[in-house]
């Protein structure tokens, strides 16, 4: 296996020409509004209470802990479909397992960072991934640069999508989760905490996917299919979420993916040994119902929807360079899922 160290994240290439423009993202929480698109609505009956919650300045895990305390249950009894950013206003569903006794009215729960909009019962717990996607309304402030270049990239992304990179949040502060994951897979460190182990495995898996996507873009293959590609339901090529089992691509697509795996042999071999199974992920993020407006010369407002697991920041990166206020040394915001 190789002995590559992952002390910094690579600068993965864009699909479209850089606009040269920049803007401030998330100056205010209300600049980043996310509404979860659920797979289903609660039926009104069952052993779980489903809660429609709006949070402002709180991360998903924190809200889950507050709900567990309020309902008198263990944190494991609280479910949610996806993580949502802390520095934002987000609306999402939570579930609480409460099969017996009276149903507490959690809409009366008072907290400065979240409110329960409604509650109803349902037969099943909400689990990660139980959502269609998310709807975004994003305000970009302090926009500088060529508006025509920004508009050109907006139209390109709206029409043809953006590279479906995993966002920086996936890799931890400074990409540190990747190096921790490498050390864990190389057996240089032992990680006993299952949650941390899962975070590190997700980080290294995401890096390998991003590297495959980046190589295709570097080779001028953005928007193209290769012989041997595996297509998604929309008819677009997919990339590997590495794990054990047979590589399903063939021909040129398989050769390209294997060349990346060879460069990251410690990660790929370790993921196979850890028991992760081969999966696929779309190489293209396709925003739905995308629109934008300019309230003034220095402010751009975007609205669009994305499927679950797709990063809004990866879409923004194809339009202009964004920077966030430096709130904490470690970015506590989670990927929107």
C-alpha atoms as a PDB file:
ATOM      1  CA  UNK A   1       0.000   0.000   0.000  1.00  0.00           C
ATOM      2  CA  UNK A   2       1.084   3.580  -0.507  1.00  0.00           C
ATOM      3  CA  UNK A   3       2.244   5.859   2.289  1.00  0.00           C
ATOM      4  CA  UNK A   4       0.436   9.041   1.232  1.00  0.00           C
ATOM      5  CA  UNK A   5      -0.418  11.435   4.065  1.00  0.00           C
ATOM      6  CA  UNK A   6      -3.543  13.609   3.778  1.00  0.00           C
ATOM      7  CA  UNK A   7      -2.579  16.813   5.550  1.00  0.00           C
ATOM      8  CA  UNK A   8      -4.513  19.115   3.186  1.00  0.00           C
ATOM      9  CA  UNK A   9      -7.426  18.606   0.852  1.00  0.00           C
ATOM     10  CA  UNK A  10      -6.762  18.756  -2.912  1.00  0.00           C
ATOM     11  CA  UNK A  11      -8.068  21.679  -4.947  1.00  0.00           C
ATOM     12  CA  UNK A  12     -10.584  19.830  -7.086  1.00  0.00           C
ATOM     13  CA  UNK A  13     -11.270  21.416 -10.490  1.00  0.00           C
ATOM     14  CA  UNK A  14     -14.452  23.143 -11.566  1.00  0.00           C
ATOM     15  CA  UNK A  15     -16.495  22.004 -14.544  1.00  0.00           C
ATOM     16  CA  UNK A  16     -17.061  25.525 -15.897  1.00  0.00           C
ATOM     17  CA  UNK A  17     -14.723  28.490 -16.425  1.00  0.00           C
ATOM     18  CA  UNK A  18     -14.155  30.422 -13.203  1.00  0.00           C
ATOM     19  CA  UNK A  19     -16.267  33.563 -13.082  1.00  0.00           C
ATOM     20  CA  UNK A  20     -13.649  35.363 -11.002  1.00  0.00           C
ATOM     21  CA  UNK A  21     -16.469  36.624  -8.769  1.00  0.00           C
ATOM     22  CA  UNK A  22     -16.778  36.292  -4.997  1.00  0.00           C
ATOM     23  CA  UNK A  23     -19.410  36.697  -2.288  1.00  0.00           C
ATOM     24  CA  UNK A  24     -20.094  36.233   1.414  1.00  0.00           C
ATOM     25  CA  UNK A  25     -22.153  33.174   2.386  1.00  0.00           C
ATOM     26  CA  UNK A  26     -24.102  32.855   5.652  1.00  0.00           C
ATOM     27  CA  UNK A  27     -23.385  36.294   7.074  1.00  0.00           C
ATOM     28  CA  UNK A  28     -26.746  35.848   8.769  1.00  0.00           C
ATOM     29  CA  UNK A  29     -28.547  32.613   9.571  1.00  0.00           C
ATOM     30  CA  UNK A  30     -31.458  33.754   7.425  1.00  0.00           C
ATOM     31  CA  UNK A  31     -29.114  33.916   4.422  1.00  0.00           C
ATOM     32  CA  UNK A  32     -29.218  30.103   4.236  1.00  0.00           C
ATOM     33  CA  UNK A  33     -32.739  28.686   4.485  1.00  0.00           C
ATOM     34  CA  UNK A  34     -33.200  24.938   4.045  1.00  0.00           C
ATOM     35  CA  UNK A  35     -36.507  23.081   3.919  1.00  0.00           C
ATOM     36  CA  UNK A  36     -36.424  19.301   4.050  1.00  0.00           C
ATOM     37  CA  UNK A  37     -38.485  17.478   1.431  1.00  0.00           C
ATOM     38  CA  UNK A  38     -39.794  14.390   3.256  1.00  0.00           C
ATOM     39  CA  UNK A  39     -40.510  11.017   1.717  1.00  0.00           C
ATOM     40  CA  UNK A  40     -43.850  10.848   3.506  1.00  0.00           C
ATOM     41  CA  UNK A  41     -46.080  12.592   6.011  1.00  0.00           C
ATOM     42  CA  UNK A  42     -46.972  11.076   9.391  1.00  0.00           C
ATOM     43  CA  UNK A  43     -50.131   8.948   9.319  1.00  0.00           C
ATOM     44  CA  UNK A  44     -51.492  10.050  12.693  1.00  0.00           C
ATOM     45  CA  UNK A  45     -51.098   6.627  14.319  1.00  0.00           C
ATOM     46  CA  UNK A  46     -48.159   4.605  15.609  1.00  0.00           C
ATOM     47  CA  UNK A  47     -45.531   4.295  18.313  1.00  0.00           C
ATOM     48  CA  UNK A  48     -43.457   7.283  17.182  1.00  0.00           C
ATOM     49  CA  UNK A  49     -44.139  11.000  17.456  1.00  0.00           C
ATOM     50  CA  UNK A  50     -43.053  12.926  14.379  1.00  0.00           C
ATOM     51  CA  UNK A  51     -42.144  16.588  14.886  1.00  0.00           C
ATOM     52  CA  UNK A  52     -41.893  19.284  12.216  1.00  0.00           C
ATOM     53  CA  UNK A  53     -39.191  21.597  13.584  1.00  0.00           C
ATOM     54  CA  UNK A  54     -37.666  24.881  12.523  1.00  0.00           C
ATOM     55  CA  UNK A  55     -34.232  25.551  13.985  1.00  0.00           C
ATOM     56  CA  UNK A  56     -32.142  28.701  13.912  1.00  0.00           C
ATOM     57  CA  UNK A  57     -28.471  28.519  14.862  1.00  0.00           C
ATOM     58  CA  UNK A  58     -28.524  24.965  16.226  1.00  0.00           C
ATOM     59  CA  UNK A  59     -27.159  21.751  14.752  1.00  0.00           C
ATOM     60  CA  UNK A  60     -29.316  18.678  14.274  1.00  0.00           C
ATOM     61  CA  UNK A  61     -27.667  16.530  16.966  1.00  0.00           C
ATOM     62  CA  UNK A  62     -28.151  19.288  19.551  1.00  0.00           C
ATOM     63  CA  UNK A  63     -31.872  19.510  18.793  1.00  0.00           C
ATOM     64  CA  UNK A  64     -32.185  15.720  18.986  1.00  0.00           C
ATOM     65  CA  UNK A  65     -30.633  15.775  22.469  1.00  0.00           C
ATOM     66  CA  UNK A  66     -33.000  18.518  23.622  1.00  0.00           C
ATOM     67  CA  UNK A  67     -35.987  16.526  22.342  1.00  0.00           C
ATOM     68  CA  UNK A  68     -34.805  13.394  24.145  1.00  0.00           C
ATOM     69  CA  UNK A  69     -34.543  15.333  27.419  1.00  0.00           C
ATOM     70  CA  UNK A  70     -37.975  16.917  26.950  1.00  0.00           C
ATOM     71  CA  UNK A  71     -39.629  13.568  26.197  1.00  0.00           C
ATOM     72  CA  UNK A  72     -37.738  11.644  28.884  1.00  0.00           C
ATOM     73  CA  UNK A  73     -36.195   9.137  26.473  1.00  0.00           C
ATOM     74  CA  UNK A  74     -32.694   8.099  25.416  1.00  0.00           C
ATOM     75  CA  UNK A  75     -31.032   9.967  22.562  1.00  0.00           C
ATOM     76  CA  UNK A  76     -31.084   6.755  20.507  1.00  0.00           C
ATOM     77  CA  UNK A  77     -34.897   6.948  20.539  1.00  0.00           C
ATOM     78  CA  UNK A  78     -34.822  10.194  18.537  1.00  0.00           C
ATOM     79  CA  UNK A  79     -34.549   9.914  14.761  1.00  0.00           C
ATOM     80  CA  UNK A  80     -34.018  12.312  11.878  1.00  0.00           C
ATOM     81  CA  UNK A  81     -33.571  11.933   8.143  1.00  0.00           C
ATOM     82  CA  UNK A  82     -30.546  14.152   7.619  1.00  0.00           C
ATOM     83  CA  UNK A  83     -28.108  16.595   9.144  1.00  0.00           C
ATOM     84  CA  UNK A  84     -28.712  20.285   8.580  1.00  0.00           C
ATOM     85  CA  UNK A  85     -26.350  23.242   8.840  1.00  0.00           C
ATOM     86  CA  UNK A  86     -26.018  24.997  12.170  1.00  0.00           C
ATOM     87  CA  UNK A  87     -25.570  28.519  10.813  1.00  0.00           C
ATOM     88  CA  UNK A  88     -28.847  28.598   8.931  1.00  0.00           C
ATOM     89  CA  UNK A  89     -32.601  28.514   9.332  1.00  0.00           C
ATOM     90  CA  UNK A  90     -33.662  24.958   8.578  1.00  0.00           C
ATOM     91  CA  UNK A  91     -36.902  23.026   8.714  1.00  0.00           C
ATOM     92  CA  UNK A  92     -36.806  19.273   9.170  1.00  0.00           C
ATOM     93  CA  UNK A  93     -38.597  16.303  10.708  1.00  0.00           C
ATOM     94  CA  UNK A  94     -37.614  14.437  13.879  1.00  0.00           C
ATOM     95  CA  UNK A  95     -39.181  11.325  15.408  1.00  0.00           C
ATOM     96  CA  UNK A  96     -39.367  10.158  19.041  1.00  0.00           C
ATOM     97  CA  UNK A  97     -40.143   6.598  20.094  1.00  0.00           C
ATOM     98  CA  UNK A  98     -42.943   6.899  22.680  1.00  0.00           C
ATOM     99  CA  UNK A  99     -45.124   3.777  22.436  1.00  0.00           C
ATOM    100  CA  UNK A 100     -46.873   4.053  25.819  1.00  0.00           C
ATOM    101  CA  UNK A 101     -48.467   6.609  28.080  1.00  0.00           C
ATOM    102  CA  UNK A 102     -49.841  10.023  27.310  1.00  0.00           C
ATOM    103  CA  UNK A 103     -48.549  11.931  24.317  1.00  0.00           C
ATOM    104  CA  UNK A 104     -46.715  15.084  25.460  1.00  0.00           C
ATOM    105  CA  UNK A 105     -47.517  18.296  23.609  1.00  0.00           C
ATOM    106  CA  UNK A 106     -44.044  19.206  22.438  1.00  0.00           C
ATOM    107  CA  UNK A 107     -45.340  22.154  20.429  1.00  0.00           C
ATOM    108  CA  UNK A 108     -45.267  23.945  23.795  1.00  0.00           C
ATOM    109  CA  UNK A 109     -41.528  23.375  24.147  1.00  0.00           C
ATOM    110  CA  UNK A 110     -39.728  26.700  24.474  1.00  0.00           C
ATOM    111  CA  UNK A 111     -36.159  27.054  23.196  1.00  0.00           C
ATOM    112  CA  UNK A 112     -34.374  30.073  21.696  1.00  0.00           C
ATOM    113  CA  UNK A 113     -32.822  28.061  18.848  1.00  0.00           C
ATOM    114  CA  UNK A 114     -35.711  25.916  17.642  1.00  0.00           C
ATOM    115  CA  UNK A 115     -39.500  25.575  17.712  1.00  0.00           C
ATOM    116  CA  UNK A 116     -41.838  22.646  17.140  1.00  0.00           C
ATOM    117  CA  UNK A 117     -44.288  23.653  14.412  1.00  0.00           C
ATOM    118  CA  UNK A 118     -46.465  20.548  14.582  1.00  0.00           C
ATOM    119  CA  UNK A 119     -46.503  16.953  15.776  1.00  0.00           C
ATOM    120  CA  UNK A 120     -48.289  13.751  14.822  1.00  0.00           C
ATOM    121  CA  UNK A 121     -47.878  10.030  15.348  1.00  0.00           C
ATOM    122  CA  UNK A 122     -46.451   7.530  12.866  1.00  0.00           C
ATOM    123  CA  UNK A 123     -45.623   3.840  12.749  1.00  0.00           C
ATOM    124  CA  UNK A 124     -41.922   4.137  11.900  1.00  0.00           C
ATOM    125  CA  UNK A 125     -38.817   5.874  13.188  1.00  0.00           C
ATOM    126  CA  UNK A 126     -37.153   8.430  10.939  1.00  0.00           C
ATOM    127  CA  UNK A 127     -33.788   7.123   9.785  1.00  0.00           C
ATOM    128  CA  UNK A 128     -30.892   8.716   7.954  1.00  0.00           C
ATOM    129  CA  UNK A 129     -31.671   9.055   4.292  1.00  0.00           C
ATOM    130  CA  UNK A 130     -35.460   9.025   4.703  1.00  0.00           C
ATOM    131  CA  UNK A 131     -35.960  12.165   2.620  1.00  0.00           C
ATOM    132  CA  UNK A 132     -36.350  13.182  -1.007  1.00  0.00           C
ATOM    133  CA  UNK A 133     -33.992  16.117  -0.753  1.00  0.00           C
ATOM    134  CA  UNK A 134     -33.860  19.737   0.344  1.00  0.00           C
ATOM    135  CA  UNK A 135     -35.097  23.091  -0.912  1.00  0.00           C
ATOM    136  CA  UNK A 136     -32.657  26.009  -0.546  1.00  0.00           C
ATOM    137  CA  UNK A 137     -32.981  29.770  -0.486  1.00  0.00           C
ATOM    138  CA  UNK A 138     -29.510  31.293  -0.363  1.00  0.00           C
ATOM    139  CA  UNK A 139     -28.620  34.968  -0.089  1.00  0.00           C
ATOM    140  CA  UNK A 140     -25.120  35.858  -1.275  1.00  0.00           C
ATOM    141  CA  UNK A 141     -23.896  39.235  -0.047  1.00  0.00           C
ATOM    142  CA  UNK A 142     -20.953  41.467  -0.987  1.00  0.00           C
ATOM    143  CA  UNK A 143     -20.955  40.095  -4.524  1.00  0.00           C
ATOM    144  CA  UNK A 144     -18.028  41.401  -6.552  1.00  0.00           C
ATOM    145  CA  UNK A 145     -17.017  40.516 -10.099  1.00  0.00           C
ATOM    146  CA  UNK A 146     -18.391  40.332 -13.604  1.00  0.00           C
ATOM    147  CA  UNK A 147     -22.149  39.834 -13.521  1.00  0.00           C
ATOM    148  CA  UNK A 148     -22.165  38.470 -17.075  1.00  0.00           C
ATOM    149  CA  UNK A 149     -19.686  35.747 -16.054  1.00  0.00           C
ATOM    150  CA  UNK A 150     -21.797  34.905 -13.010  1.00  0.00           C
ATOM    151  CA  UNK A 151     -24.922  34.734 -15.154  1.00  0.00           C
ATOM    152  CA  UNK A 152     -23.190  32.462 -17.647  1.00  0.00           C
ATOM    153  CA  UNK A 153     -22.314  29.966 -14.912  1.00  0.00           C
ATOM    154  CA  UNK A 154     -25.771  30.223 -13.370  1.00  0.00           C
ATOM    155  CA  UNK A 155     -27.312  29.281 -16.706  1.00  0.00           C
ATOM    156  CA  UNK A 156     -24.819  26.448 -17.245  1.00  0.00           C
ATOM    157  CA  UNK A 157     -25.474  24.927 -13.801  1.00  0.00           C
ATOM    158  CA  UNK A 158     -29.234  25.328 -14.197  1.00  0.00           C
ATOM    159  CA  UNK A 159     -29.119  23.574 -17.565  1.00  0.00           C
ATOM    160  CA  UNK A 160     -26.411  20.915 -17.154  1.00  0.00           C
ATOM    161  CA  UNK A 161     -25.871  20.554 -13.414  1.00  0.00           C
ATOM    162  CA  UNK A 162     -22.703  20.762 -11.321  1.00  0.00           C
ATOM    163  CA  UNK A 163     -20.050  18.273 -10.244  1.00  0.00           C
ATOM    164  CA  UNK A 164     -21.533  16.265  -7.391  1.00  0.00           C
ATOM    165  CA  UNK A 165     -18.527  16.716  -5.121  1.00  0.00           C
ATOM    166  CA  UNK A 166     -18.823  15.956  -1.440  1.00  0.00           C
ATOM    167  CA  UNK A 167     -18.507  19.309   0.329  1.00  0.00           C
ATOM    168  CA  UNK A 168     -15.713  20.392   2.639  1.00  0.00           C
ATOM    169  CA  UNK A 169     -17.923  19.739   5.667  1.00  0.00           C
ATOM    170  CA  UNK A 170     -17.589  16.028   4.945  1.00  0.00           C
ATOM    171  CA  UNK A 171     -13.857  16.075   5.613  1.00  0.00           C
ATOM    172  CA  UNK A 172     -13.685  17.955   8.913  1.00  0.00           C
ATOM    173  CA  UNK A 173     -11.709  21.078   9.753  1.00  0.00           C
ATOM    174  CA  UNK A 174      -8.806  21.357   7.323  1.00  0.00           C
ATOM    175  CA  UNK A 175      -9.625  17.904   5.960  1.00  0.00           C
ATOM    176  CA  UNK A 176      -8.409  16.342   9.196  1.00  0.00           C
ATOM    177  CA  UNK A 177     -10.906  13.492   9.143  1.00  0.00           C
ATOM    178  CA  UNK A 178      -9.241  12.046   6.034  1.00  0.00           C
ATOM    179  CA  UNK A 179      -5.820  11.766   7.666  1.00  0.00           C
ATOM    180  CA  UNK A 180      -7.390  10.314  10.804  1.00  0.00           C
ATOM    181  CA  UNK A 181      -9.206   7.829   8.592  1.00  0.00           C
ATOM    182  CA  UNK A 182      -5.984   6.901   6.791  1.00  0.00           C
ATOM    183  CA  UNK A 183      -4.205   6.354  10.087  1.00  0.00           C
ATOM    184  CA  UNK A 184      -7.099   4.225  11.319  1.00  0.00           C
ATOM    185  CA  UNK A 185      -7.178   2.091   8.169  1.00  0.00           C
ATOM    186  CA  UNK A 186      -3.395   1.750   8.222  1.00  0.00           C
ATOM    187  CA  UNK A 187      -3.715   0.573  11.859  1.00  0.00           C
ATOM    188  CA  UNK A 188      -1.524   3.362  13.124  1.00  0.00           C
ATOM    189  CA  UNK A 189      -4.276   4.416  15.515  1.00  0.00           C
ATOM    190  CA  UNK A 190      -7.184   2.532  17.034  1.00  0.00           C
ATOM    191  CA  UNK A 191     -10.586   4.200  16.997  1.00  0.00           C
ATOM    192  CA  UNK A 192     -12.966   2.675  19.521  1.00  0.00           C
ATOM    193  CA  UNK A 193     -15.800   5.192  19.217  1.00  0.00           C
ATOM    194  CA  UNK A 194     -18.229   3.841  16.562  1.00  0.00           C
ATOM    195  CA  UNK A 195     -19.454   7.341  15.680  1.00  0.00           C
ATOM    196  CA  UNK A 196     -15.920   8.626  15.049  1.00  0.00           C
ATOM    197  CA  UNK A 197     -15.086   5.505  13.071  1.00  0.00           C
ATOM    198  CA  UNK A 198     -18.105   6.120  10.857  1.00  0.00           C
ATOM    199  CA  UNK A 199     -17.114   9.759  10.329  1.00  0.00           C
ATOM    200  CA  UNK A 200     -13.586   8.781   9.297  1.00  0.00           C
ATOM    201  CA  UNK A 201     -14.801   6.057   6.919  1.00  0.00           C
ATOM    202  CA  UNK A 202     -17.235   8.500   5.303  1.00  0.00           C
ATOM    203  CA  UNK A 203     -14.454  11.057   4.864  1.00  0.00           C
ATOM    204  CA  UNK A 204     -12.028   8.697   3.111  1.00  0.00           C
ATOM    205  CA  UNK A 205     -14.792   7.232   0.951  1.00  0.00           C
ATOM    206  CA  UNK A 206     -15.880  10.709  -0.075  1.00  0.00           C
ATOM    207  CA  UNK A 207     -12.321  11.729  -0.934  1.00  0.00           C
ATOM    208  CA  UNK A 208     -11.895   8.784  -3.320  1.00  0.00           C
ATOM    209  CA  UNK A 209     -15.198   9.654  -5.030  1.00  0.00           C
ATOM    210  CA  UNK A 210     -14.154  13.305  -5.396  1.00  0.00           C
ATOM    211  CA  UNK A 211     -10.806  12.213  -6.839  1.00  0.00           C
ATOM    212  CA  UNK A 212     -12.538  10.112  -9.508  1.00  0.00           C
ATOM    213  CA  UNK A 213     -14.834  13.011 -10.423  1.00  0.00           C
ATOM    214  CA  UNK A 214     -11.916  15.442 -10.474  1.00  0.00           C
ATOM    215  CA  UNK A 215      -9.902  13.194 -12.796  1.00  0.00           C
ATOM    216  CA  UNK A 216     -12.788  13.005 -15.259  1.00  0.00           C
ATOM    217  CA  UNK A 217     -13.016  16.816 -15.291  1.00  0.00           C
ATOM    218  CA  UNK A 218      -9.231  17.169 -15.688  1.00  0.00           C
ATOM    219  CA  UNK A 219      -9.389  14.839 -18.685  1.00  0.00           C
ATOM    220  CA  UNK A 220     -12.084  16.980 -20.315  1.00  0.00           C
ATOM    221  CA  UNK A 221     -14.809  14.406 -19.695  1.00  0.00           C
ATOM    222  CA  UNK A 222     -17.320  16.632 -17.906  1.00  0.00           C
ATOM    223  CA  UNK A 223     -20.745  16.034 -19.402  1.00  0.00           C
ATOM    224  CA  UNK A 224     -19.536  12.944 -21.274  1.00  0.00           C
ATOM    225  CA  UNK A 225     -19.960   9.238 -20.729  1.00  0.00           C
ATOM    226  CA  UNK A 226     -17.171   6.696 -20.990  1.00  0.00           C
ATOM    227  CA  UNK A 227     -17.319   3.151 -22.348  1.00  0.00           C
ATOM    228  CA  UNK A 228     -18.111   0.975 -19.360  1.00  0.00           C
ATOM    229  CA  UNK A 229     -19.858   3.661 -17.296  1.00  0.00           C
ATOM    230  CA  UNK A 230     -22.634   2.696 -14.885  1.00  0.00           C
ATOM    231  CA  UNK A 231     -25.562   5.069 -15.305  1.00  0.00           C
ATOM    232  CA  UNK A 232     -28.048   6.337 -12.726  1.00  0.00           C
ATOM    233  CA  UNK A 233     -31.816   6.436 -13.162  1.00  0.00           C
ATOM    234  CA  UNK A 234     -31.539   9.783 -14.938  1.00  0.00           C
ATOM    235  CA  UNK A 235     -29.161   8.259 -17.491  1.00  0.00           C
ATOM    236  CA  UNK A 236     -26.050  10.019 -16.185  1.00  0.00           C
ATOM    237  CA  UNK A 237     -22.740   8.396 -15.218  1.00  0.00           C
ATOM    238  CA  UNK A 238     -21.946   7.467 -11.633  1.00  0.00           C
ATOM    239  CA  UNK A 239     -18.764   7.256  -9.591  1.00  0.00           C
ATOM    240  CA  UNK A 240     -17.638   4.769  -6.946  1.00  0.00           C
ATOM    241  CA  UNK A 241     -18.337   4.786  -3.228  1.00  0.00           C
ATOM    242  CA  UNK A 242     -15.503   2.389  -2.572  1.00  0.00           C
ATOM    243  CA  UNK A 243     -15.888  -0.928  -0.794  1.00  0.00           C
ATOM    244  CA  UNK A 244     -15.578  -4.653  -1.206  1.00  0.00           C
ATOM    245  CA  UNK A 245     -17.146  -6.568  -4.055  1.00  0.00           C
ATOM    246  CA  UNK A 246     -16.885  -6.564  -7.798  1.00  0.00           C
ATOM    247  CA  UNK A 247     -16.237  -3.230  -9.521  1.00  0.00           C
ATOM    248  CA  UNK A 248     -19.286  -2.835 -11.746  1.00  0.00           C
ATOM    249  CA  UNK A 249     -17.768  -0.486 -14.312  1.00  0.00           C
ATOM    250  CA  UNK A 250     -15.874  -1.898 -17.295  1.00  0.00           C
ATOM    251  CA  UNK A 251     -13.550  -0.724 -20.057  1.00  0.00           C
ATOM    252  CA  UNK A 252     -12.331   2.890 -19.868  1.00  0.00           C
ATOM    253  CA  UNK A 253     -14.504   3.808 -16.896  1.00  0.00           C
ATOM    254  CA  UNK A 254     -13.106   0.979 -14.808  1.00  0.00           C
ATOM    255  CA  UNK A 255      -9.543   1.814 -15.823  1.00  0.00           C
ATOM    256  CA  UNK A 256      -9.999   5.421 -14.719  1.00  0.00           C
ATOM    257  CA  UNK A 257     -11.506   4.416 -11.366  1.00  0.00           C
ATOM    258  CA  UNK A 258      -8.808   1.807 -10.745  1.00  0.00           C
ATOM    259  CA  UNK A 259      -6.082   4.376 -11.451  1.00  0.00           C
ATOM    260  CA  UNK A 260      -7.502   6.517  -8.640  1.00  0.00           C
ATOM    261  CA  UNK A 261      -7.779   3.501  -6.336  1.00  0.00           C
ATOM    262  CA  UNK A 262      -4.114   2.689  -6.937  1.00  0.00           C
ATOM    263  CA  UNK A 263      -3.112   6.218  -5.899  1.00  0.00           C
ATOM    264  CA  UNK A 264      -5.132   5.810  -2.695  1.00  0.00           C
ATOM    265  CA  UNK A 265      -4.408   2.164  -2.028  1.00  0.00           C
ATOM    266  CA  UNK A 266      -4.324   2.474   1.764  1.00  0.00           C
ATOM    267  CA  UNK A 267      -7.773   4.052   1.784  1.00  0.00           C
ATOM    268  CA  UNK A 268      -9.372   1.701  -0.734  1.00  0.00           C
ATOM    269  CA  UNK A 269      -7.849  -1.462   0.696  1.00  0.00           C
ATOM    270  CA  UNK A 270      -8.766  -0.369   4.198  1.00  0.00           C
ATOM    271  CA  UNK A 271     -12.378   0.340   3.247  1.00  0.00           C
ATOM    272  CA  UNK A 272     -12.700  -3.120   1.744  1.00  0.00           C
ATOM    273  CA  UNK A 273     -11.213  -4.683   4.892  1.00  0.00           C
ATOM    274  CA  UNK A 274     -13.581  -2.595   7.056  1.00  0.00           C
ATOM    275  CA  UNK A 275     -16.532  -4.259   5.320  1.00  0.00           C
ATOM    276  CA  UNK A 276     -17.925  -1.382   3.270  1.00  0.00           C
ATOM    277  CA  UNK A 277     -19.717  -2.575   0.143  1.00  0.00           C
ATOM    278  CA  UNK A 278     -19.328  -1.070  -3.312  1.00  0.00           C
ATOM    279  CA  UNK A 279     -21.986   1.569  -4.032  1.00  0.00           C
ATOM    280  CA  UNK A 280     -22.482   4.223  -6.691  1.00  0.00           C
ATOM    281  CA  UNK A 281     -23.171   7.959  -6.569  1.00  0.00           C
ATOM    282  CA  UNK A 282     -24.198  10.318  -9.366  1.00  0.00           C
ATOM    283  CA  UNK A 283     -21.337  12.369 -10.773  1.00  0.00           C
ATOM    284  CA  UNK A 284     -23.719  15.224 -11.625  1.00  0.00           C
ATOM    285  CA  UNK A 285     -25.716  17.270  -9.120  1.00  0.00           C
ATOM    286  CA  UNK A 286     -28.853  18.505 -10.867  1.00  0.00           C
ATOM    287  CA  UNK A 287     -30.583  21.465  -9.169  1.00  0.00           C
ATOM    288  CA  UNK A 288     -34.338  21.468  -9.743  1.00  0.00           C
ATOM    289  CA  UNK A 289     -36.507  24.549 -10.157  1.00  0.00           C
ATOM    290  CA  UNK A 290     -33.455  26.794 -10.016  1.00  0.00           C
ATOM    291  CA  UNK A 291     -34.022  30.536 -10.139  1.00  0.00           C
ATOM    292  CA  UNK A 292     -32.159  33.666  -9.107  1.00  0.00           C
ATOM    293  CA  UNK A 293     -32.577  37.388  -8.722  1.00  0.00           C
ATOM    294  CA  UNK A 294     -30.457  40.452  -7.984  1.00  0.00           C
ATOM    295  CA  UNK A 295     -32.114  42.608  -5.286  1.00  0.00           C
ATOM    296  CA  UNK A 296     -29.204  45.017  -5.780  1.00  0.00           C
ATOM    297  CA  UNK A 297     -25.827  45.098  -7.511  1.00  0.00           C
ATOM    298  CA  UNK A 298     -24.043  43.347  -4.629  1.00  0.00           C
ATOM    299  CA  UNK A 299     -26.621  40.766  -3.617  1.00  0.00           C
ATOM    300  CA  UNK A 300     -27.668  37.554  -5.366  1.00  0.00           C
ATOM    301  CA  UNK A 301     -30.539  35.352  -4.169  1.00  0.00           C
ATOM    302  CA  UNK A 302     -30.717  31.736  -5.346  1.00  0.00           C
ATOM    303  CA  UNK A 303     -33.440  29.132  -4.913  1.00  0.00           C
ATOM    304  CA  UNK A 304     -33.224  25.476  -5.947  1.00  0.00           C
ATOM    305  CA  UNK A 305     -33.843  21.928  -4.766  1.00  0.00           C
ATOM    306  CA  UNK A 306     -31.306  19.112  -4.549  1.00  0.00           C
ATOM    307  CA  UNK A 307     -31.617  15.362  -3.975  1.00  0.00           C
ATOM    308  CA  UNK A 308     -30.633  13.925  -0.611  1.00  0.00           C
ATOM    309  CA  UNK A 309     -26.883  13.787  -0.013  1.00  0.00           C
ATOM    310  CA  UNK A 310     -26.075  16.574  -2.478  1.00  0.00           C
ATOM    311  CA  UNK A 311     -24.211  19.676  -1.306  1.00  0.00           C
ATOM    312  CA  UNK A 312     -25.470  23.172  -2.041  1.00  0.00           C
ATOM    313  CA  UNK A 313     -21.912  24.456  -1.592  1.00  0.00           C
ATOM    314  CA  UNK A 314     -20.768  22.274  -4.493  1.00  0.00           C
ATOM    315  CA  UNK A 315     -23.337  24.025  -6.689  1.00  0.00           C
ATOM    316  CA  UNK A 316     -22.267  27.465  -5.469  1.00  0.00           C
ATOM    317  CA  UNK A 317     -18.602  26.697  -6.146  1.00  0.00           C
ATOM    318  CA  UNK A 318     -19.373  26.478  -9.863  1.00  0.00           C
ATOM    319  CA  UNK A 319     -20.866  29.974  -9.855  1.00  0.00           C
ATOM    320  CA  UNK A 320     -18.497  32.069  -7.748  1.00  0.00           C
ATOM    321  CA  UNK A 321     -16.103  31.875  -4.800  1.00  0.00           C
ATOM    322  CA  UNK A 322     -17.828  32.105  -1.417  1.00  0.00           C
ATOM    323  CA  UNK A 323     -16.404  32.736   2.047  1.00  0.00           C
ATOM    324  CA  UNK A 324     -18.147  32.376   5.399  1.00  0.00           C
ATOM    325  CA  UNK A 325     -17.627  34.406   8.580  1.00  0.00           C
ATOM    326  CA  UNK A 326     -14.942  32.859  10.782  1.00  0.00           C
ATOM    327  CA  UNK A 327     -17.151  31.950  13.719  1.00  0.00           C
ATOM    328  CA  UNK A 328     -15.218  29.080  15.277  1.00  0.00           C
ATOM    329  CA  UNK A 329     -11.814  27.445  14.715  1.00  0.00           C
ATOM    330  CA  UNK A 330     -13.612  24.184  13.955  1.00  0.00           C
ATOM    331  CA  UNK A 331     -16.495  24.253  11.508  1.00  0.00           C
ATOM    332  CA  UNK A 332     -19.420  22.804  13.426  1.00  0.00           C
ATOM    333  CA  UNK A 333     -21.872  22.983  10.555  1.00  0.00           C
ATOM    334  CA  UNK A 334     -22.875  19.681   9.068  1.00  0.00           C
ATOM    335  CA  UNK A 335     -23.512  18.666   5.543  1.00  0.00           C
ATOM    336  CA  UNK A 336     -27.077  19.121   4.438  1.00  0.00           C
ATOM    337  CA  UNK A 337     -28.482  15.677   3.738  1.00  0.00           C
END
